[in-house]
Amino acid sequence: METSQKQAFKAISLATEKAALMGVDANIAILDTTGYLKAFSRMDNAFLGSIDIALGKAKTAMLFRMNSEAVGQFLAPEAAAYGMVNTSGGLVGFKGGMPVRSAGEIVAYIGVSGGSPDQDFEIARAGSQL
């Protein structure tokens, strides 16, 4: 299913609302199902260094159609696939990237960075509930 602009902006809005409630200034990226940027928001005072991390989390989730932290299990030094972190232009294997679903179908991917991994996860989860 193609990601609509309305869906992308709704995901950004939901994530931004959650971030504001949590007191986190976050970068929020929405990729379409083919991995291209559909929408992006950098909240006031969000770290500039977190822009690439948010994009990387969304891209990691898209490439494997799962949460970025689930991919991270394969990236650990003791994992059989260690070194995979260097593929696809770099993978980000901690919390904050996940599929966005509508009617049970993946319509986009969200990546959030700016808080702790647990905070980023909660913000992304809020944005993924269309």
Protein backbone atom coordinates (compact mmCIF):
# COMPACT_ATOMS: atom_id res chain seq x y z
CA MET A 1 0.00 0.00 0.00
CA GLU A 2 1.31 3.44 -0.90
CA THR A 3 1.85 5.83 2.00
CA SER A 4 -0.35 8.89 1.69
CA GLN A 5 0.77 12.34 2.70
CA LYS A 6 -2.15 12.42 5.13
CA GLN A 7 -0.97 9.21 6.82
CA ALA A 8 2.61 10.46 7.03
CA PHE A 9 1.60 13.78 8.59
CA LYS A 10 -0.76 12.01 11.00
CA ALA A 11 2.10 9.77 12.16
CA ILE A 12 4.32 12.83 12.63
CA SER A 13 1.55 14.60 14.55
CA LEU A 14 0.87 11.64 16.86
CA ALA A 15 4.57 11.17 17.56
CA THR A 16 5.13 14.89 18.14
CA GLU A 17 2.23 15.05 20.60
CA LYS A 18 3.66 12.11 22.56
CA ALA A 19 7.15 13.62 22.55
CA ALA A 20 5.82 16.93 23.84
CA LEU A 21 3.93 15.17 26.64
CA MET A 22 7.14 13.38 27.59
CA GLY A 23 9.25 16.55 27.41
CA VAL A 24 11.47 15.13 24.66
CA ASP A 25 12.61 17.19 21.67
CA ALA A 26 12.77 14.58 18.93
CA ASN A 27 13.56 14.11 15.28
CA ILE A 28 10.84 12.06 13.58
CA ALA A 29 11.25 10.48 10.14
CA ILE A 30 8.59 8.72 8.08
CA LEU A 31 9.70 6.53 5.17
CA ASP A 32 7.34 5.06 2.61
CA THR A 33 7.29 1.30 2.09
CA THR A 34 10.08 1.53 -0.48
CA GLY A 35 12.37 3.42 1.90
CA TYR A 36 12.03 6.95 0.56
CA LEU A 37 11.51 9.88 2.91
CA LYS A 38 7.84 10.87 3.02
CA ALA A 39 7.86 13.28 5.98
CA PHE A 40 10.26 14.60 8.57
CA SER A 41 10.02 16.84 11.61
CA ARG A 42 12.75 18.21 13.84
CA MET A 43 11.16 19.56 16.98
CA ASP A 44 12.55 22.79 18.40
CA ASN A 45 15.80 22.10 20.25
CA ALA A 46 16.09 18.51 18.94
CA PHE A 47 19.71 17.42 18.60
CA LEU A 48 21.12 17.85 15.10
CA GLY A 49 23.11 14.64 15.56
CA SER A 50 19.86 12.74 16.03
CA ILE A 51 18.60 13.48 12.52
CA ASP A 52 20.69 10.71 10.93
CA ILE A 53 19.86 8.36 13.79
CA ALA A 54 16.09 8.83 13.27
CA LEU A 55 16.50 8.21 9.54
CA GLY A 56 18.68 5.17 10.24
CA LYS A 57 16.16 3.65 12.63
CA ALA A 58 13.34 4.05 10.10
CA LYS A 59 15.53 2.61 7.33
CA THR A 60 16.56 -0.36 9.47
CA ALA A 61 12.92 -1.11 10.28
CA MET A 62 12.02 -0.84 6.58
CA LEU A 63 14.79 -3.10 5.35
CA PHE A 64 13.75 -5.92 7.67
CA ARG A 65 10.04 -5.09 8.20
CA MET A 66 10.49 -5.23 11.97
CA ASN A 67 11.36 -2.97 14.87
CA SER A 68 14.91 -1.66 14.81
CA GLU A 69 15.69 -3.21 18.21
CA ALA A 70 14.68 -6.63 16.86
CA VAL A 71 17.25 -6.19 14.09
CA GLY A 72 19.70 -5.16 16.80
CA GLN A 73 19.66 -8.70 18.19
CA PHE A 74 21.53 -9.78 15.05
CA LEU A 75 24.05 -6.94 15.32
CA ALA A 76 25.50 -7.87 18.73
CA PRO A 77 29.15 -9.00 18.73
CA GLU A 78 28.14 -12.47 19.95
CA ALA A 79 25.53 -12.90 17.20
CA ALA A 80 26.29 -15.03 14.17
CA ALA A 81 25.48 -12.08 11.89
CA TYR A 82 27.82 -9.61 13.59
CA GLY A 83 29.18 -7.23 10.97
CA MET A 84 25.76 -6.90 9.38
CA VAL A 85 25.65 -3.44 11.01
CA ASN A 86 27.94 -2.25 8.20
CA THR A 87 25.58 -3.29 5.40
CA SER A 88 22.97 -1.21 3.58
CA GLY A 89 24.78 2.03 4.38
CA GLY A 90 24.67 1.28 8.12
CA LEU A 91 22.00 -0.16 10.36
CA VAL A 92 20.74 1.20 13.68
CA GLY A 93 19.82 -1.63 16.02
CA PHE A 94 18.29 0.03 19.04
CA LYS A 95 14.77 1.19 19.94
CA GLY A 96 12.95 3.87 18.01
CA GLY A 97 12.30 2.46 14.53
CA MET A 98 9.23 0.43 13.56
CA PRO A 99 6.59 -0.24 10.94
CA VAL A 100 3.53 2.02 10.78
CA ARG A 101 0.36 0.05 10.24
CA SER A 102 -3.10 0.97 9.02
CA ALA A 103 -5.82 -1.67 9.05
CA GLY A 104 -3.13 -4.23 9.91
CA GLU A 105 -1.04 -3.47 6.83
CA ILE A 106 2.37 -1.78 6.84
CA VAL A 107 1.99 1.61 5.17
CA ALA A 108 5.21 3.32 6.31
CA TYR A 109 8.13 3.19 8.72
CA ILE A 110 8.90 5.61 11.54
CA GLY A 111 12.23 6.46 13.13
CA VAL A 112 12.58 8.62 16.22
CA SER A 113 15.69 9.97 17.94
CA GLY A 114 16.21 12.57 20.61
CA GLY A 115 15.53 10.88 23.92
CA SER A 116 16.63 7.66 25.53
CA PRO A 117 15.99 4.46 23.54
CA ASP A 118 12.92 3.76 25.71
CA GLN A 119 11.58 7.28 25.15
CA ASP A 120 12.21 7.04 21.41
CA PHE A 121 10.34 3.72 21.36
CA GLU A 122 7.28 5.23 23.10
CA ILE A 123 7.24 8.20 20.73
CA ALA A 124 7.59 5.94 17.67
CA ARG A 125 4.87 3.63 18.97
CA ALA A 126 2.51 6.59 19.31
CA GLY A 127 3.25 7.59 15.71
CA SER A 128 2.81 4.07 14.40
CA GLN A 129 -0.81 3.76 15.52
CA LEU A 130 -2.79 5.09 12.54
